[in-house]
Amino acid sequence: MIVKRKTTGALLIAGMMLLLLVACKKEDPVPPCTGYCPTPYAPDIPANFPPMSIPADNPMTVEGIALGRFLFYEERLSGDNSQSCASCHAPAFAFTDNGNQFSVGIDGIAGDRNSMALINLGWGTNFFWDGRAQTLEEQVLDPVRNPIEMHDTWPNVVAKLDADPAYRDLFYEAFGDDRVDSLKAAKALAQFLRTMISGNSPYDKWRRGEGTIPIEAQLGYSLFQQEGGVPPFIPNGQGGADCFHCHSVGADMFTDGQFHNNGLDSVFADPGVGGITGNAFDMGLFKTPTLRNIALTAPYMHDGRFATLEEVIEHYNEGGHPSPTVDPFMKFTGPETLELDQQERQQIMAFLNALTDMEFVNDARFQDPGTP
């Protein structure tokens, strides 16, 4: 009986091993990757964010992002090899220009618009203050050939990069072709920019139940989402700050991605979107910037006219200036004002400060990688 049980057990084990061997033989072995082997990259999306839409013709890869990071810090993208994208988009200032009102190009010429923050661009469309670029891939091509910025030509930049064997290797790893060209460079830069996700501020942790923010900031968040004004002057008024119309909180982007005239001027020195479209109804309209890391990105507005957030809040509190295209949400460009008191303005400031994401600013993945 004992021998029979051992024999039966041995036969059972042998049968199971045979089945496993047969099953393994039926599976096709995974061939080793040789040559061009890009590594797919899935962006780390915060739980309180919507999915990111990635262009079908520019999937994100580890190799593409690495190339884009080198290019972002590459000074050979400028005419005299002295400036890179990072020259006007510094990590310590949430990828804006070191507190400068206007950026100065390689020829010592200052621009006339403030450098925009590079934050959560993977969810955006219609880039620049006037929305003239439809995609990130299109947007990154412009500063190189802008005569008051990096002042070069893409053929010249391509020749400089193509002469560097390290870049030819990086382009091969990213795209399976070591020939350098502007379209591949733009794709790599766009991939890198899409990794620059800011979603771990104290506000985000509070939203996800991972932490808290001061009561003053919570009260500021409530004011942020409430309609401005009080009845009877504003029938639906809630005594709030009226911020949420343009700085949407629904997807936690703090921008609606749209274009508005927020009452800065009655006569426009800069036509904004109207300068691109030629449409009278677009005059004085500019893109809504994100409020994420806003405490780090002074000065403010498209022309950097406000040095502090206090000045920005006061502009909205006073109501701004009337003009034919002023946004309907700017309800107080007449004799009535928003009438936020000092305590309420401080609460809004506390909330805006809670949007500062130092983990994003200090993230090693976004810093200068050195020479390729």
Protein backbone atom coordinates (compact mmCIF):
# COMPACT_ATOMS: atom_id res chain seq x y z
CA MET A 1 0.00 0.00 0.00
CA ILE A 2 2.79 2.41 0.87
CA VAL A 3 4.65 1.66 -2.37
CA LYS A 4 1.46 2.09 -4.38
CA ARG A 5 0.79 5.51 -2.86
CA LYS A 6 4.35 6.64 -3.61
CA THR A 7 4.07 5.40 -7.19
CA THR A 8 0.73 7.17 -7.68
CA GLY A 9 2.17 10.40 -6.27
CA ALA A 10 5.22 10.17 -8.48
CA LEU A 11 3.06 9.59 -11.55
CA LEU A 12 0.91 12.59 -10.65
CA ILE A 13 3.94 14.86 -10.30
CA ALA A 14 5.40 13.59 -13.54
CA GLY A 15 2.12 14.24 -15.32
CA MET A 16 1.94 17.81 -14.04
CA MET A 17 5.50 18.49 -15.15
CA LEU A 18 4.69 17.11 -18.60
CA LEU A 19 1.64 19.41 -18.87
CA LEU A 20 3.77 22.40 -17.86
CA LEU A 21 6.39 21.52 -20.44
CA VAL A 22 3.77 21.16 -23.15
CA ALA A 23 2.18 24.49 -22.14
CA CYS A 24 5.53 26.22 -22.25
CA LYS A 25 6.31 24.77 -25.65
CA LYS A 26 3.03 26.13 -27.03
CA GLU A 27 3.94 29.70 -26.05
CA ASP A 28 5.98 31.62 -28.57
CA PRO A 29 9.24 32.78 -26.98
CA VAL A 30 9.68 36.56 -26.74
CA PRO A 31 12.42 37.46 -29.21
CA PRO A 32 15.24 39.58 -27.82
CA CYS A 33 15.06 43.22 -28.88
CA THR A 34 17.84 44.30 -31.19
CA GLY A 35 18.45 47.71 -32.72
CA TYR A 36 15.69 50.28 -32.15
CA CYS A 37 13.90 49.37 -28.91
CA PRO A 38 12.00 52.36 -27.44
CA THR A 39 10.64 51.98 -23.93
CA PRO A 40 6.99 53.09 -23.57
CA TYR A 41 6.41 55.69 -20.88
CA ALA A 42 3.14 56.19 -19.00
CA PRO A 43 2.95 59.59 -17.29
CA ASP A 44 2.27 59.52 -13.56
CA ILE A 45 -1.15 61.21 -13.40
CA PRO A 46 -2.29 62.46 -9.96
CA ALA A 47 -5.51 60.85 -8.75
CA ASN A 48 -7.37 64.18 -8.80
CA PHE A 49 -6.43 64.86 -12.46
CA PRO A 50 -8.21 63.74 -15.64
CA PRO A 51 -6.42 61.45 -18.14
CA MET A 52 -3.86 63.07 -20.44
CA SER A 53 -4.43 62.85 -24.19
CA ILE A 54 -1.22 61.82 -25.96
CA PRO A 55 -0.96 62.47 -29.72
CA ALA A 56 -1.04 59.22 -31.71
CA ASP A 57 1.91 60.36 -33.82
CA ASN A 58 4.09 61.16 -30.79
CA PRO A 59 3.78 58.42 -28.15
CA MET A 60 5.84 59.01 -25.05
CA THR A 61 8.97 56.92 -24.57
CA VAL A 62 11.77 56.96 -22.03
CA GLU A 63 14.24 57.63 -24.83
CA GLY A 64 12.19 60.43 -26.39
CA ILE A 65 11.81 62.16 -23.03
CA ALA A 66 15.56 61.86 -22.36
CA LEU A 67 16.32 63.50 -25.71
CA GLY A 68 13.77 66.23 -25.02
CA ARG A 69 15.34 66.96 -21.65
CA PHE A 70 18.77 67.40 -23.21
CA LEU A 71 17.30 69.67 -25.88
CA PHE A 72 15.45 71.77 -23.29
CA TYR A 73 18.79 72.66 -21.70
CA GLU A 74 20.76 72.79 -24.96
CA GLU A 75 22.26 76.23 -25.65
CA ARG A 76 23.11 75.29 -29.23
CA LEU A 77 19.44 75.88 -30.03
CA SER A 78 20.27 79.60 -30.06
CA GLY A 79 22.13 81.61 -32.67
CA ASP A 80 25.21 82.32 -30.52
CA ASN A 81 25.05 79.09 -28.46
CA SER A 82 24.35 81.03 -25.27
CA GLN A 83 20.67 80.41 -24.49
CA SER A 84 18.45 77.37 -24.05
CA CYS A 85 14.74 76.95 -23.40
CA ALA A 86 15.62 76.81 -19.70
CA SER A 87 17.20 80.27 -19.87
CA CYS A 88 13.70 81.77 -19.79
CA HIS A 89 11.98 78.86 -18.02
CA ALA A 90 13.95 78.19 -14.84
CA PRO A 91 12.91 75.32 -12.52
CA ALA A 92 13.27 77.39 -9.33
CA PHE A 93 10.63 79.82 -10.62
CA ALA A 94 8.19 77.11 -11.73
CA PHE A 95 9.73 77.31 -15.20
CA THR A 96 9.31 81.06 -15.69
CA ASP A 97 12.01 83.69 -16.21
CA ASN A 98 13.62 84.38 -12.83
CA GLY A 99 11.13 87.05 -11.83
CA ASN A 100 11.79 89.17 -14.94
CA GLN A 101 8.94 91.14 -16.49
CA PHE A 102 10.24 90.43 -19.99
CA SER A 103 12.81 87.94 -21.25
CA VAL A 104 15.89 89.21 -23.08
CA GLY A 105 17.07 87.33 -26.18
CA ILE A 106 20.58 86.65 -27.40
CA ASP A 107 20.84 90.08 -29.06
CA GLY A 108 19.98 91.95 -25.87
CA ILE A 109 16.44 92.74 -27.07
CA ALA A 110 13.63 92.43 -24.53
CA GLY A 111 10.31 90.91 -25.53
CA ASP A 112 6.95 92.45 -24.70
CA ARG A 113 5.27 89.51 -22.97
CA ASN A 114 5.98 87.73 -19.72
CA SER A 115 7.40 84.21 -19.88
CA MET A 116 4.61 81.69 -19.24
CA ALA A 117 4.96 78.90 -16.69
CA LEU A 118 5.51 75.41 -18.12
CA ILE A 119 3.12 73.44 -15.93
CA ASN A 120 0.72 70.61 -16.85
CA LEU A 121 0.99 71.45 -20.55
CA GLY A 122 -0.04 67.91 -21.48
CA TRP A 123 -3.64 68.97 -20.83
CA GLY A 124 -3.39 72.19 -22.82
CA THR A 125 -4.09 73.41 -26.33
CA ASN A 126 -3.61 76.74 -28.12
CA PHE A 127 -0.28 77.77 -26.64
CA PHE A 128 1.32 81.18 -26.06
CA TRP A 129 -0.58 84.13 -24.59
CA ASP A 130 -2.33 84.62 -27.94
CA GLY A 131 -2.95 80.93 -28.68
CA ARG A 132 -1.13 80.97 -32.02
CA ALA A 133 0.28 77.43 -31.65
CA GLN A 134 -2.26 74.60 -31.68
CA THR A 135 0.00 71.86 -30.24
CA LEU A 136 3.04 71.54 -28.02
CA GLU A 137 4.97 70.15 -30.98
CA GLU A 138 4.22 73.36 -32.88
CA GLN A 139 4.84 75.63 -29.92
CA VAL A 140 8.40 74.48 -29.18
CA LEU A 141 9.57 75.30 -32.71
CA ASP A 142 8.84 79.02 -32.37
CA PRO A 143 11.36 80.38 -29.80
CA VAL A 144 14.35 79.06 -31.79
CA ARG A 145 13.45 81.07 -34.89
CA ASN A 146 12.07 84.12 -33.06
CA PRO A 147 14.40 87.06 -33.87
CA ILE A 148 14.12 88.58 -30.39
CA GLU A 149 14.53 85.28 -28.54
CA MET A 150 16.96 82.54 -29.57
CA HIS A 151 17.35 84.03 -33.07
CA ASP A 152 18.52 81.03 -35.05
CA THR A 153 17.14 78.89 -37.85
CA TRP A 154 16.17 75.28 -37.48
CA PRO A 155 18.41 74.20 -40.40
CA ASN A 156 21.35 75.78 -38.58
CA VAL A 157 20.40 74.17 -35.26
CA VAL A 158 19.98 70.79 -36.97
CA ALA A 159 23.47 71.11 -38.48
CA LYS A 160 24.98 71.87 -35.07
CA LEU A 161 23.28 68.93 -33.38
CA ASP A 162 23.93 66.56 -36.27
CA ALA A 163 27.65 67.26 -35.96
CA ASP A 164 27.57 65.84 -32.43
CA PRO A 165 27.71 62.00 -32.39
CA ALA A 166 26.07 61.96 -28.95
CA TYR A 167 22.96 63.62 -30.36
CA ARG A 168 22.85 61.27 -33.33
CA ASP A 169 22.83 58.39 -30.85
CA LEU A 170 20.06 60.02 -28.81
CA PHE A 171 17.92 60.62 -31.90
CA TYR A 172 18.38 56.98 -32.93
CA GLU A 173 17.38 55.71 -29.50
CA ALA A 174 14.32 57.96 -29.49
CA PHE A 175 13.13 57.55 -33.08
CA GLY A 176 15.08 54.70 -34.72
CA ASP A 177 16.86 57.10 -37.05
CA ASP A 178 20.04 59.01 -36.23
CA ARG A 179 19.29 61.82 -38.65
CA VAL A 180 18.59 65.01 -36.70
CA ASP A 181 15.63 67.08 -37.86
CA SER A 182 13.44 69.79 -36.39
CA LEU A 183 10.22 67.76 -36.31
CA LYS A 184 11.79 64.98 -34.27
CA ALA A 185 13.39 67.57 -31.99
CA ALA A 186 9.96 69.17 -31.48
CA LYS A 187 8.42 65.79 -30.69
CA ALA A 188 11.11 65.02 -28.12
CA LEU A 189 10.75 68.43 -26.47
CA ALA A 190 6.97 68.00 -26.34
CA GLN A 191 7.36 64.58 -24.73
CA PHE A 192 9.59 66.05 -22.05
CA LEU A 193 7.19 68.93 -21.40
CA ARG A 194 4.31 66.48 -20.96
CA THR A 195 6.18 64.81 -18.09
CA MET A 196 6.28 68.12 -16.18
CA ILE A 197 3.21 67.49 -14.06
CA SER A 198 2.55 69.54 -10.95
CA GLY A 199 -0.04 67.90 -8.74
CA ASN A 200 1.42 67.45 -5.29
CA SER A 201 0.90 70.79 -3.61
CA PRO A 202 -0.61 71.03 -0.12
CA TYR A 203 -3.94 71.75 -1.85
CA ASP A 204 -3.69 68.49 -3.85
CA LYS A 205 -2.88 66.44 -0.78
CA TRP A 206 -5.86 68.03 0.97
CA ARG A 207 -8.09 67.23 -2.01
CA ARG A 208 -6.95 63.59 -1.97
CA GLY A 209 -7.34 63.25 1.79
CA GLU A 210 -3.57 62.96 2.30
CA GLY A 211 -3.12 66.10 4.38
CA THR A 212 -4.65 69.45 5.22
CA ILE A 213 -4.22 73.15 4.55
CA PRO A 214 -4.75 76.01 7.01
CA ILE A 215 -8.31 77.08 7.77
CA GLU A 216 -7.49 80.47 6.24
CA ALA A 217 -6.62 78.74 2.96
CA GLN A 218 -9.80 76.64 3.09
CA LEU A 219 -11.85 79.80 3.51
CA GLY A 220 -9.96 81.31 0.59
CA TYR A 221 -10.85 78.26 -1.52
CA SER A 222 -14.51 78.81 -0.70
CA LEU A 223 -14.29 82.48 -1.70
CA PHE A 224 -12.48 81.43 -4.88
CA GLN A 225 -15.50 79.37 -5.95
CA GLN A 226 -18.24 81.82 -5.05
CA GLU A 227 -19.91 84.38 -7.29
CA GLY A 228 -18.78 87.91 -6.69
CA GLY A 229 -20.98 90.77 -5.53
CA VAL A 230 -24.04 90.86 -3.32
CA PRO A 231 -27.72 91.47 -4.09
CA PRO A 232 -29.39 93.68 -5.18
CA PHE A 233 -26.52 95.03 -7.29
CA ILE A 234 -25.58 91.49 -8.39
CA PRO A 235 -28.75 89.37 -8.15
CA ASN A 236 -26.89 86.04 -7.96
CA GLY A 237 -23.98 87.37 -5.97
CA GLN A 238 -22.54 85.34 -3.09
CA GLY A 239 -19.98 87.78 -1.79
CA GLY A 240 -17.19 85.67 -3.29
CA ALA A 241 -14.07 86.39 -5.32
CA ASP A 242 -15.43 85.26 -8.71
CA CYS A 243 -12.18 83.45 -9.65
CA PHE A 244 -13.57 80.07 -10.67
CA HIS A 245 -15.09 81.15 -13.99
CA CYS A 246 -11.70 81.37 -15.68
CA HIS A 247 -9.50 79.43 -13.25
CA SER A 248 -11.58 76.26 -13.28
CA VAL A 249 -11.32 73.96 -10.28
CA GLY A 250 -13.21 71.02 -11.80
CA ALA A 251 -10.19 69.27 -13.32
CA ASP A 252 -7.76 70.90 -10.87
CA MET A 253 -5.91 72.63 -13.70
CA PHE A 254 -6.86 76.11 -12.42
CA THR A 255 -7.26 77.38 -15.96
CA ASP A 256 -10.09 77.01 -18.43
CA GLY A 257 -7.56 77.07 -21.28
CA GLN A 258 -9.59 79.82 -22.91
CA PHE A 259 -8.98 83.47 -23.77
CA HIS A 260 -10.38 86.46 -21.92
CA ASN A 261 -10.14 90.21 -21.61
CA ASN A 262 -9.82 90.62 -17.86
CA GLY A 263 -10.15 94.39 -17.78
CA LEU A 264 -6.48 95.35 -17.81
CA ASP A 265 -6.92 98.24 -20.26
CA SER A 266 -9.53 100.28 -22.05
CA VAL A 267 -7.14 100.83 -24.99
CA PHE A 268 -4.96 97.88 -26.02
CA ALA A 269 -1.23 98.35 -26.51
CA ASP A 270 -1.10 94.61 -27.20
CA PRO A 271 -4.10 93.20 -29.16
CA GLY A 272 -3.56 89.64 -27.89
CA VAL A 273 -5.59 87.06 -29.78
CA GLY A 274 -6.92 89.86 -32.00
CA GLY A 275 -3.43 90.37 -33.36
CA ILE A 276 -3.53 86.81 -34.69
CA THR A 277 -7.12 86.58 -35.90
CA GLY A 278 -7.72 90.19 -36.91
CA ASN A 279 -11.17 89.85 -35.35
CA ALA A 280 -12.39 92.91 -33.46
CA PHE A 281 -14.06 90.67 -30.89
CA ASP A 282 -10.66 89.10 -30.05
CA MET A 283 -8.88 92.35 -29.25
CA GLY A 284 -7.34 92.39 -25.77
CA LEU A 285 -7.96 88.67 -25.14
CA PHE A 286 -5.21 86.56 -23.60
CA LYS A 287 -4.96 82.98 -22.44
CA THR A 288 -5.89 82.17 -18.84
CA PRO A 289 -2.68 81.08 -17.09
CA THR A 290 -2.73 78.29 -14.52
CA LEU A 291 -2.66 79.35 -10.88
CA ARG A 292 -0.52 76.37 -9.91
CA ASN A 293 2.74 77.54 -8.33
CA ILE A 294 1.49 81.09 -8.84
CA ALA A 295 3.42 82.29 -5.77
CA LEU A 296 6.66 81.45 -7.63
CA THR A 297 5.88 82.97 -11.02
CA ALA A 298 5.85 86.75 -10.46
CA PRO A 299 5.41 89.16 -12.14
CA TYR A 300 1.87 88.65 -13.40
CA MET A 301 -0.34 89.15 -16.48
CA HIS A 302 0.75 88.86 -20.11
CA ASP A 303 2.92 91.96 -19.76
CA GLY A 304 4.10 91.33 -16.20
CA ARG A 305 2.62 94.62 -15.02
CA PHE A 306 1.82 93.40 -11.50
CA ALA A 307 4.81 92.65 -9.30
CA THR A 308 2.88 90.87 -6.53
CA LEU A 309 -0.15 88.68 -6.02
CA GLU A 310 -1.56 91.36 -3.74
CA GLU A 311 -1.63 93.71 -6.74
CA VAL A 312 -3.39 91.06 -8.83
CA ILE A 313 -6.09 90.54 -6.20
CA GLU A 314 -6.53 94.29 -5.87
CA HIS A 315 -6.99 94.60 -9.65
CA TYR A 316 -9.91 92.18 -9.56
CA ASN A 317 -11.26 93.67 -6.35
CA GLU A 318 -11.37 97.12 -7.96
CA GLY A 319 -13.00 95.70 -11.09
CA GLY A 320 -10.57 96.58 -13.87
CA HIS A 321 -11.22 98.83 -16.87
CA PRO A 322 -14.17 98.74 -19.27
CA SER A 323 -13.67 98.07 -22.99
CA PRO A 324 -15.72 96.69 -25.89
CA THR A 325 -14.34 93.16 -25.41
CA VAL A 326 -14.14 92.95 -21.62
CA ASP A 327 -15.25 89.56 -20.40
CA PRO A 328 -18.83 89.19 -19.08
CA PHE A 329 -17.38 87.60 -15.94
CA MET A 330 -15.69 90.93 -15.14
CA LYS A 331 -18.89 92.24 -13.55
CA PHE A 332 -17.33 95.16 -11.73
CA THR A 333 -15.84 97.41 -14.38
CA GLY A 334 -18.46 100.03 -13.54
CA PRO A 335 -19.03 101.96 -10.31
CA GLU A 336 -19.47 98.78 -8.22
CA THR A 337 -16.42 96.84 -6.98
CA LEU A 338 -15.93 93.30 -5.75
CA GLU A 339 -15.68 94.65 -2.20
CA LEU A 340 -13.50 91.95 -0.68
CA ASP A 341 -12.25 93.12 2.68
CA GLN A 342 -8.68 92.78 3.90
CA GLN A 343 -9.33 89.50 5.71
CA GLU A 344 -10.95 87.95 2.63
CA ARG A 345 -8.04 89.03 0.43
CA GLN A 346 -5.65 87.40 2.90
CA GLN A 347 -7.68 84.20 2.79
CA ILE A 348 -7.45 84.10 -1.01
CA MET A 349 -3.70 84.67 -0.73
CA ALA A 350 -3.44 81.76 1.70
CA PHE A 351 -5.26 79.52 -0.76
CA LEU A 352 -3.06 80.59 -3.68
CA ASN A 353 0.04 79.83 -1.60
CA ALA A 354 -1.37 76.34 -0.95
CA LEU A 355 -1.01 75.69 -4.69
CA THR A 356 2.80 75.78 -4.43
CA ASP A 357 4.25 72.38 -5.32
CA MET A 358 7.90 72.35 -4.23
CA GLU A 359 8.24 68.67 -5.15
CA PHE A 360 7.57 69.69 -8.75
CA VAL A 361 10.02 72.59 -8.62
CA ASN A 362 12.79 70.40 -7.16
CA ASP A 363 12.05 67.24 -9.14
CA ALA A 364 15.39 65.85 -10.33
CA ARG A 365 13.75 64.56 -13.53
CA PHE A 366 13.25 68.14 -14.74
CA GLN A 367 16.68 69.54 -13.90
CA ASP A 368 19.63 70.09 -16.24
CA PRO A 369 21.05 66.67 -17.22
CA GLY A 370 24.39 68.13 -18.28
CA THR A 371 25.99 67.46 -21.65
CA PRO A 372 24.75 64.49 -23.70
